């Protein structure tokens, strides 16, 4: 499998990225909802409040990652949350995820971000191995808490 390019997605890429985004949500046991996935992505891309990179083979999308730029009040610098990373099953084990993660790091460096952060399921061992092979380190200093508000 040949990865043609990794580029920043634009609103006119919705038809390319939406099926992957919907499949990503299904990976986390959410029901398929292509219309809602498309609307969410459209809102993000139009508002510019997230950055989506898409990997293609020149014809089809192979994977994507979505980052949310934010700020760190302790370092007084920007950072980015790598919220989503998904590679189509047929494109796995061909370097697509690795290249998307490298592009995310390049984006962070280009924008002066002090770091990238991500969360993944405890059971997602393949992803954890990939992250660690690229220098990502598990945080042992902070504990993450979540409070549901709806």
N, C-alpha and C. Protein backbone atom coordinates (compact mmCIF):
# COMPACT_ATOMS: atom_id res chain seq x y z
N UNK A 1 0.85 -1.18 0.00
CA UNK A 1 0.00 0.00 0.00
C UNK A 1 0.89 1.23 0.00
N UNK A 2 0.57 2.16 -0.87
CA UNK A 2 1.35 3.39 -0.99
C UNK A 2 0.53 4.57 -0.49
N UNK A 3 1.12 5.31 0.43
CA UNK A 3 0.49 6.52 0.94
C UNK A 3 0.96 7.65 0.04
N UNK A 4 0.02 8.27 -0.66
CA UNK A 4 0.38 9.33 -1.59
C UNK A 4 0.76 10.62 -0.90
N UNK A 5 -0.07 11.06 0.02
CA UNK A 5 0.20 12.32 0.69
C UNK A 5 -0.53 12.38 2.01
N UNK A 6 -0.03 13.25 2.85
CA UNK A 6 -0.73 13.61 4.08
C UNK A 6 -0.89 15.12 3.99
N UNK A 7 -2.13 15.56 4.04
CA UNK A 7 -2.37 16.99 3.90
C UNK A 7 -3.46 17.43 4.86
N UNK A 8 -3.50 18.72 5.08
CA UNK A 8 -4.54 19.29 5.93
C UNK A 8 -5.87 19.26 5.19
N UNK A 9 -6.87 18.75 5.85
CA UNK A 9 -8.20 18.66 5.23
C UNK A 9 -8.86 20.02 5.21
N UNK A 10 -9.68 20.22 4.18
CA UNK A 10 -10.46 21.44 3.99
C UNK A 10 -11.94 21.06 3.97
N UNK A 11 -12.82 22.04 4.08
CA UNK A 11 -14.25 21.71 4.03
C UNK A 11 -14.66 20.92 2.79
N UNK A 12 -13.98 21.12 1.66
CA UNK A 12 -14.35 20.37 0.47
C UNK A 12 -13.83 18.92 0.50
N UNK A 13 -13.18 18.53 1.58
CA UNK A 13 -12.72 17.15 1.77
C UNK A 13 -13.70 16.33 2.61
N UNK A 14 -14.85 16.87 2.93
CA UNK A 14 -15.79 16.18 3.82
C UNK A 14 -16.16 14.79 3.31
N UNK A 15 -16.40 14.65 2.01
CA UNK A 15 -16.77 13.34 1.47
C UNK A 15 -15.63 12.34 1.62
N UNK A 16 -14.40 12.81 1.64
CA UNK A 16 -13.23 11.96 1.79
C UNK A 16 -13.05 11.51 3.24
N UNK A 17 -13.21 12.42 4.18
CA UNK A 17 -12.88 12.16 5.58
C UNK A 17 -14.06 11.60 6.39
N UNK A 18 -15.27 11.97 6.05
CA UNK A 18 -16.43 11.57 6.85
C UNK A 18 -16.55 10.06 7.06
N UNK A 19 -16.39 9.22 6.02
CA UNK A 19 -16.50 7.78 6.28
C UNK A 19 -15.47 7.27 7.30
N UNK A 20 -14.27 7.82 7.27
CA UNK A 20 -13.26 7.42 8.26
C UNK A 20 -13.64 7.90 9.66
N UNK A 21 -14.15 9.11 9.75
CA UNK A 21 -14.55 9.65 11.04
C UNK A 21 -15.69 8.82 11.62
N UNK A 22 -16.63 8.44 10.79
CA UNK A 22 -17.74 7.60 11.26
C UNK A 22 -17.22 6.22 11.71
N UNK A 23 -16.29 5.65 10.96
CA UNK A 23 -15.70 4.35 11.33
C UNK A 23 -14.92 4.47 12.64
N UNK A 24 -14.23 5.58 12.83
CA UNK A 24 -13.50 5.83 14.07
C UNK A 24 -14.46 5.81 15.26
N UNK A 25 -15.58 6.47 15.13
CA UNK A 25 -16.57 6.51 16.22
C UNK A 25 -17.12 5.11 16.48
N UNK A 26 -17.32 4.33 15.42
CA UNK A 26 -17.79 2.96 15.60
C UNK A 26 -16.74 2.10 16.31
N UNK A 27 -15.46 2.37 16.06
CA UNK A 27 -14.38 1.66 16.74
C UNK A 27 -14.53 1.79 18.25
N UNK A 28 -15.05 2.93 18.70
CA UNK A 28 -15.28 3.18 20.12
C UNK A 28 -16.72 2.87 20.53
N UNK A 29 -17.34 1.95 19.80
CA UNK A 29 -18.66 1.38 20.13
C UNK A 29 -19.82 2.38 20.08
N UNK A 30 -19.68 3.41 19.27
CA UNK A 30 -20.79 4.32 19.04
C UNK A 30 -21.48 3.91 17.75
N UNK A 31 -22.79 4.13 17.66
CA UNK A 31 -23.50 3.74 16.43
C UNK A 31 -23.11 4.62 15.25
N UNK A 32 -23.17 4.05 14.08
CA UNK A 32 -22.89 4.82 12.87
C UNK A 32 -23.91 5.94 12.72
N UNK A 33 -23.42 7.11 12.40
CA UNK A 33 -24.29 8.26 12.13
C UNK A 33 -23.50 9.18 11.18
N UNK A 34 -23.54 8.83 9.91
CA UNK A 34 -22.76 9.53 8.91
C UNK A 34 -23.15 11.01 8.83
N UNK A 35 -24.44 11.30 8.91
CA UNK A 35 -24.89 12.69 8.81
C UNK A 35 -24.35 13.52 9.97
N UNK A 36 -24.42 12.98 11.17
CA UNK A 36 -23.92 13.72 12.35
C UNK A 36 -22.40 13.85 12.29
N UNK A 37 -21.72 12.80 11.85
CA UNK A 37 -20.26 12.86 11.73
C UNK A 37 -19.86 13.93 10.72
N UNK A 38 -20.56 13.96 9.60
CA UNK A 38 -20.26 14.96 8.57
C UNK A 38 -20.51 16.37 9.09
N UNK A 39 -21.63 16.57 9.76
CA UNK A 39 -21.96 17.90 10.29
C UNK A 39 -20.92 18.36 11.31
N UNK A 40 -20.50 17.43 12.18
CA UNK A 40 -19.50 17.78 13.19
C UNK A 40 -18.19 18.18 12.53
N UNK A 41 -17.72 17.36 11.58
CA UNK A 41 -16.48 17.69 10.88
C UNK A 41 -16.60 19.01 10.12
N UNK A 42 -17.71 19.21 9.47
CA UNK A 42 -17.93 20.45 8.73
C UNK A 42 -17.83 21.65 9.67
N UNK A 43 -18.48 21.57 10.82
CA UNK A 43 -18.42 22.66 11.79
C UNK A 43 -16.99 22.93 12.22
N UNK A 44 -16.22 21.89 12.48
CA UNK A 44 -14.84 22.05 12.93
C UNK A 44 -13.98 22.70 11.83
N UNK A 45 -14.12 22.19 10.61
CA UNK A 45 -13.28 22.70 9.52
C UNK A 45 -13.64 24.13 9.14
N UNK A 46 -14.91 24.45 9.14
CA UNK A 46 -15.33 25.81 8.80
C UNK A 46 -14.93 26.79 9.90
N UNK A 47 -15.13 26.40 11.15
CA UNK A 47 -14.78 27.28 12.27
C UNK A 47 -13.27 27.36 12.47
N UNK A 48 -12.54 26.35 12.01
CA UNK A 48 -11.10 26.33 12.18
C UNK A 48 -10.67 26.03 13.61
N UNK A 49 -11.57 25.42 14.40
CA UNK A 49 -11.21 25.13 15.79
C UNK A 49 -10.57 23.76 15.97
N UNK A 50 -10.42 23.03 14.88
CA UNK A 50 -9.61 21.82 14.91
C UNK A 50 -8.80 21.76 13.63
N UNK A 51 -7.79 20.91 13.65
CA UNK A 51 -6.94 20.70 12.48
C UNK A 51 -7.03 19.22 12.15
N UNK A 52 -7.41 18.91 10.92
CA UNK A 52 -7.54 17.53 10.48
C UNK A 52 -6.51 17.28 9.38
N UNK A 53 -5.73 16.24 9.57
CA UNK A 53 -4.82 15.79 8.52
C UNK A 53 -5.35 14.48 7.98
N UNK A 54 -5.34 14.34 6.67
CA UNK A 54 -5.84 13.13 6.01
C UNK A 54 -4.72 12.51 5.19
N UNK A 55 -4.62 11.18 5.27
CA UNK A 55 -3.67 10.43 4.45
C UNK A 55 -4.44 9.81 3.31
N UNK A 56 -3.92 9.95 2.10
CA UNK A 56 -4.58 9.38 0.94
C UNK A 56 -3.59 8.57 0.11
N UNK A 57 -4.14 7.74 -0.76
CA UNK A 57 -3.30 7.02 -1.72
C UNK A 57 -3.43 7.64 -3.10
N UNK A 58 -3.96 8.84 -3.15
CA UNK A 58 -4.20 9.53 -4.41
C UNK A 58 -5.63 9.42 -4.88
N UNK A 59 -6.35 8.43 -4.36
CA UNK A 59 -7.76 8.22 -4.73
C UNK A 59 -8.67 8.21 -3.50
N UNK A 60 -8.26 7.45 -2.50
CA UNK A 60 -9.11 7.25 -1.32
C UNK A 60 -8.37 7.69 -0.06
N UNK A 61 -9.16 7.99 0.96
CA UNK A 61 -8.59 8.32 2.27
C UNK A 61 -8.20 7.03 2.98
N UNK A 62 -7.01 7.03 3.56
CA UNK A 62 -6.51 5.86 4.28
C UNK A 62 -6.59 6.05 5.78
N UNK A 63 -6.52 7.28 6.24
CA UNK A 63 -6.56 7.57 7.67
C UNK A 63 -6.62 9.06 7.90
N UNK A 64 -6.86 9.42 9.15
CA UNK A 64 -6.91 10.84 9.51
C UNK A 64 -6.51 10.99 10.97
N UNK A 65 -6.14 12.20 11.31
CA UNK A 65 -5.97 12.59 12.71
C UNK A 65 -6.58 13.97 12.88
N UNK A 66 -7.15 14.21 14.06
CA UNK A 66 -7.76 15.50 14.37
C UNK A 66 -7.12 16.05 15.64
N UNK A 67 -6.66 17.28 15.55
CA UNK A 67 -6.02 17.95 16.68
C UNK A 67 -6.83 19.17 17.07
N UNK A 68 -6.81 19.46 18.36
CA UNK A 68 -7.47 20.65 18.88
C UNK A 68 -6.40 21.54 19.52
N UNK A 69 -6.05 22.64 18.87
CA UNK A 69 -5.09 23.56 19.47
C UNK A 69 -5.69 24.21 20.71
N UNK A 70 -4.87 24.37 21.74
CA UNK A 70 -5.32 25.00 22.98
C UNK A 70 -4.13 25.67 23.64
N UNK A 71 -4.30 26.13 24.86
CA UNK A 71 -3.26 26.87 25.56
C UNK A 71 -2.94 26.23 26.90
N UNK A 72 -1.71 26.40 27.34
CA UNK A 72 -1.25 25.88 28.62
C UNK A 72 -0.92 27.07 29.51
N UNK A 73 -1.68 27.27 30.58
CA UNK A 73 -1.47 28.44 31.43
C UNK A 73 -0.24 28.30 32.32
N UNK A 74 0.31 27.10 32.48
CA UNK A 74 1.53 26.95 33.28
C UNK A 74 2.77 27.34 32.48
N UNK A 75 2.85 26.88 31.25
CA UNK A 75 4.01 27.21 30.42
C UNK A 75 3.81 28.49 29.62
N UNK A 76 2.58 28.99 29.61
CA UNK A 76 2.22 30.20 28.85
C UNK A 76 2.45 30.00 27.36
N UNK A 77 2.23 28.78 26.90
CA UNK A 77 2.47 28.42 25.50
C UNK A 77 1.29 27.63 24.96
N UNK A 78 1.18 27.57 23.64
CA UNK A 78 0.15 26.71 23.05
C UNK A 78 0.56 25.24 23.11
N UNK A 79 -0.42 24.38 23.07
CA UNK A 79 -0.19 22.95 22.88
C UNK A 79 -1.38 22.41 22.10
N UNK A 80 -1.34 21.15 21.75
CA UNK A 80 -2.44 20.58 20.97
C UNK A 80 -2.84 19.24 21.55
N UNK A 81 -4.12 18.98 21.52
CA UNK A 81 -4.67 17.70 21.92
C UNK A 81 -4.91 16.89 20.66
N UNK A 82 -4.26 15.76 20.56
CA UNK A 82 -4.50 14.85 19.46
C UNK A 82 -5.70 14.01 19.89
N UNK A 83 -6.86 14.40 19.42
CA UNK A 83 -8.10 13.79 19.87
C UNK A 83 -8.42 12.50 19.14
N UNK A 84 -8.20 12.49 17.84
CA UNK A 84 -8.64 11.35 17.02
C UNK A 84 -7.51 10.91 16.10
N UNK A 85 -7.33 9.61 16.01
CA UNK A 85 -6.43 9.01 15.03
C UNK A 85 -7.08 7.72 14.58
N UNK A 86 -7.24 7.59 13.27
CA UNK A 86 -7.88 6.38 12.75
C UNK A 86 -7.27 6.05 11.40
N UNK A 87 -7.00 4.77 11.22
CA UNK A 87 -6.51 4.25 9.95
C UNK A 87 -7.46 3.15 9.51
N UNK A 88 -7.89 3.21 8.25
CA UNK A 88 -8.80 2.20 7.70
C UNK A 88 -8.14 0.82 7.84
N UNK A 89 -8.93 -0.21 8.14
CA UNK A 89 -8.35 -1.54 8.36
C UNK A 89 -7.41 -2.00 7.25
N UNK A 90 -7.74 -1.76 6.01
CA UNK A 90 -6.89 -2.20 4.91
C UNK A 90 -5.59 -1.44 4.77
N UNK A 91 -5.48 -0.31 5.46
CA UNK A 91 -4.28 0.52 5.38
C UNK A 91 -3.40 0.38 6.62
N UNK A 92 -3.81 -0.45 7.55
CA UNK A 92 -3.03 -0.62 8.78
C UNK A 92 -1.78 -1.44 8.50
N UNK A 93 -0.76 -1.17 9.31
CA UNK A 93 0.53 -1.87 9.22
C UNK A 93 1.30 -1.52 7.94
N UNK A 94 0.99 -0.32 7.39
CA UNK A 94 1.71 0.16 6.22
C UNK A 94 2.33 1.54 6.47
N UNK A 95 2.33 1.98 7.72
CA UNK A 95 2.95 3.25 8.07
C UNK A 95 2.02 4.45 8.05
N UNK A 96 0.74 4.24 7.79
CA UNK A 96 -0.19 5.38 7.71
C UNK A 96 -0.31 6.09 9.05
N UNK A 97 -0.56 5.34 10.12
CA UNK A 97 -0.69 5.95 11.44
C UNK A 97 0.58 6.66 11.85
N UNK A 98 1.71 6.04 11.58
CA UNK A 98 3.01 6.64 11.91
C UNK A 98 3.18 7.97 11.18
N UNK A 99 2.87 7.99 9.90
CA UNK A 99 3.03 9.23 9.13
C UNK A 99 2.07 10.32 9.60
N UNK A 100 0.87 9.93 9.98
CA UNK A 100 -0.08 10.92 10.52
C UNK A 100 0.44 11.50 11.84
N UNK A 101 1.00 10.66 12.69
CA UNK A 101 1.54 11.14 13.96
C UNK A 101 2.75 12.04 13.74
N UNK A 102 3.58 11.71 12.78
CA UNK A 102 4.73 12.56 12.46
C UNK A 102 4.25 13.91 11.96
N UNK A 103 3.22 13.91 11.11
CA UNK A 103 2.68 15.18 10.61
C UNK A 103 2.08 16.01 11.73
N UNK A 104 1.42 15.35 12.68
CA UNK A 104 0.86 16.07 13.84
C UNK A 104 1.98 16.74 14.63
N UNK A 105 3.08 16.04 14.81
CA UNK A 105 4.22 16.62 15.54
C UNK A 105 4.81 17.79 14.76
N UNK A 106 4.92 17.65 13.47
CA UNK A 106 5.43 18.76 12.65
C UNK A 106 4.52 19.98 12.80
N UNK A 107 3.21 19.75 12.77
CA UNK A 107 2.26 20.86 12.95
C UNK A 107 2.48 21.53 14.30
N UNK A 108 2.64 20.72 15.33
CA UNK A 108 2.85 21.29 16.67
C UNK A 108 4.11 22.15 16.69
N UNK A 109 5.16 21.66 16.08
CA UNK A 109 6.40 22.42 16.05
C UNK A 109 6.25 23.70 15.22
N UNK A 110 5.55 23.60 14.09
CA UNK A 110 5.32 24.78 13.22
C UNK A 110 4.56 25.87 13.96
N UNK A 111 3.67 25.49 14.85
CA UNK A 111 2.82 26.46 15.54
C UNK A 111 3.35 26.86 16.91
N UNK A 112 4.55 26.38 17.25
CA UNK A 112 5.16 26.75 18.52
C UNK A 112 4.56 26.04 19.72
N UNK A 113 3.87 24.94 19.50
CA UNK A 113 3.26 24.21 20.60
C UNK A 113 4.33 23.59 21.49
N UNK A 114 4.10 23.63 22.77
CA UNK A 114 5.05 23.08 23.72
C UNK A 114 4.95 21.55 23.79
N UNK A 115 3.77 21.00 23.42
CA UNK A 115 3.60 19.55 23.46
C UNK A 115 2.33 19.15 22.75
N UNK A 116 2.23 17.87 22.51
CA UNK A 116 1.01 17.21 22.05
C UNK A 116 0.56 16.29 23.17
N UNK A 117 -0.74 16.14 23.34
CA UNK A 117 -1.28 15.19 24.31
C UNK A 117 -2.31 14.33 23.62
N UNK A 118 -2.46 13.11 24.12
CA UNK A 118 -3.53 12.25 23.64
C UNK A 118 -3.94 11.31 24.74
N UNK A 119 -5.13 10.75 24.58
CA UNK A 119 -5.63 9.70 25.45
C UNK A 119 -6.04 8.55 24.56
N UNK A 120 -5.88 7.34 25.06
CA UNK A 120 -6.33 6.17 24.33
C UNK A 120 -6.85 5.15 25.33
N UNK A 121 -7.60 4.21 24.84
CA UNK A 121 -8.16 3.17 25.70
C UNK A 121 -7.02 2.30 26.26
N UNK A 122 -7.18 1.85 27.50
CA UNK A 122 -6.20 0.95 28.10
C UNK A 122 -6.00 -0.29 27.24
N UNK A 123 -7.05 -0.72 26.56
CA UNK A 123 -7.00 -1.95 25.77
C UNK A 123 -6.39 -1.75 24.38
N UNK A 124 -6.14 -0.52 23.98
CA UNK A 124 -5.63 -0.24 22.63
C UNK A 124 -4.10 -0.38 22.61
N UNK A 125 -3.64 -1.59 22.78
CA UNK A 125 -2.20 -1.85 22.93
C UNK A 125 -1.42 -1.58 21.65
N UNK A 126 -2.01 -1.85 20.49
CA UNK A 126 -1.30 -1.59 19.23
C UNK A 126 -1.02 -0.10 19.09
N UNK A 127 -2.00 0.73 19.40
CA UNK A 127 -1.80 2.18 19.32
C UNK A 127 -0.75 2.63 20.33
N UNK A 128 -0.81 2.09 21.53
CA UNK A 128 0.17 2.47 22.55
C UNK A 128 1.58 2.14 22.10
N UNK A 129 1.76 0.99 21.48
CA UNK A 129 3.09 0.60 20.99
C UNK A 129 3.56 1.58 19.91
N UNK A 130 2.66 1.98 19.03
CA UNK A 130 3.01 2.96 17.99
C UNK A 130 3.41 4.28 18.62
N UNK A 131 2.61 4.78 19.55
CA UNK A 131 2.93 6.06 20.19
C UNK A 131 4.31 6.00 20.85
N UNK A 132 4.55 4.95 21.59
CA UNK A 132 5.82 4.84 22.32
C UNK A 132 7.00 4.71 21.36
N UNK A 133 6.79 4.07 20.21
CA UNK A 133 7.88 3.94 19.23
C UNK A 133 8.27 5.28 18.64
N UNK A 134 7.36 6.25 18.72
CA UNK A 134 7.62 7.60 18.21
C UNK A 134 8.02 8.59 19.30
N UNK A 135 8.27 8.08 20.49
CA UNK A 135 8.75 8.94 21.57
C UNK A 135 7.69 9.45 22.52
N UNK A 136 6.43 9.13 22.30
CA UNK A 136 5.38 9.52 23.24
C UNK A 136 5.62 8.78 24.55
N UNK A 137 5.37 9.43 25.67
CA UNK A 137 5.55 8.83 26.98
C UNK A 137 4.25 8.92 27.78
N UNK A 138 3.96 7.83 28.47
CA UNK A 138 2.78 7.79 29.35
C UNK A 138 3.01 8.76 30.50
N UNK A 139 2.00 9.54 30.83
CA UNK A 139 2.11 10.52 31.90
C UNK A 139 1.96 9.81 33.25
N UNK A 140 2.98 9.93 34.08
CA UNK A 140 2.93 9.35 35.42
C UNK A 140 2.79 10.43 36.49
N UNK A 141 2.75 11.68 36.07
CA UNK A 141 2.69 12.78 37.03
C UNK A 141 1.26 13.20 37.36
N UNK A 142 0.37 13.15 36.36
CA UNK A 142 -0.98 13.64 36.56
C UNK A 142 -2.00 12.52 36.43
N UNK A 143 -3.07 12.63 37.16
CA UNK A 143 -4.20 11.71 37.07
C UNK A 143 -5.31 12.46 36.34
N UNK A 144 -5.94 11.81 35.40
CA UNK A 144 -7.00 12.44 34.63
C UNK A 144 -8.35 12.07 35.25
N UNK A 145 -9.16 13.07 35.51
CA UNK A 145 -10.52 12.87 35.99
C UNK A 145 -11.49 13.35 34.94
N UNK A 146 -12.65 12.77 34.90
CA UNK A 146 -13.70 13.17 33.98
C UNK A 146 -15.00 13.38 34.75
N UNK A 147 -15.72 14.42 34.41
CA UNK A 147 -17.03 14.69 35.01
C UNK A 147 -18.03 14.82 33.90
N UNK A 148 -19.00 13.95 33.84
CA UNK A 148 -20.05 14.00 32.82
C UNK A 148 -20.99 15.15 33.14
N UNK A 149 -21.33 15.94 32.13
CA UNK A 149 -22.20 17.10 32.32
C UNK A 149 -23.50 16.99 31.55
N UNK A 150 -23.73 15.87 30.90
CA UNK A 150 -25.01 15.70 30.20
C UNK A 150 -25.41 14.25 30.21
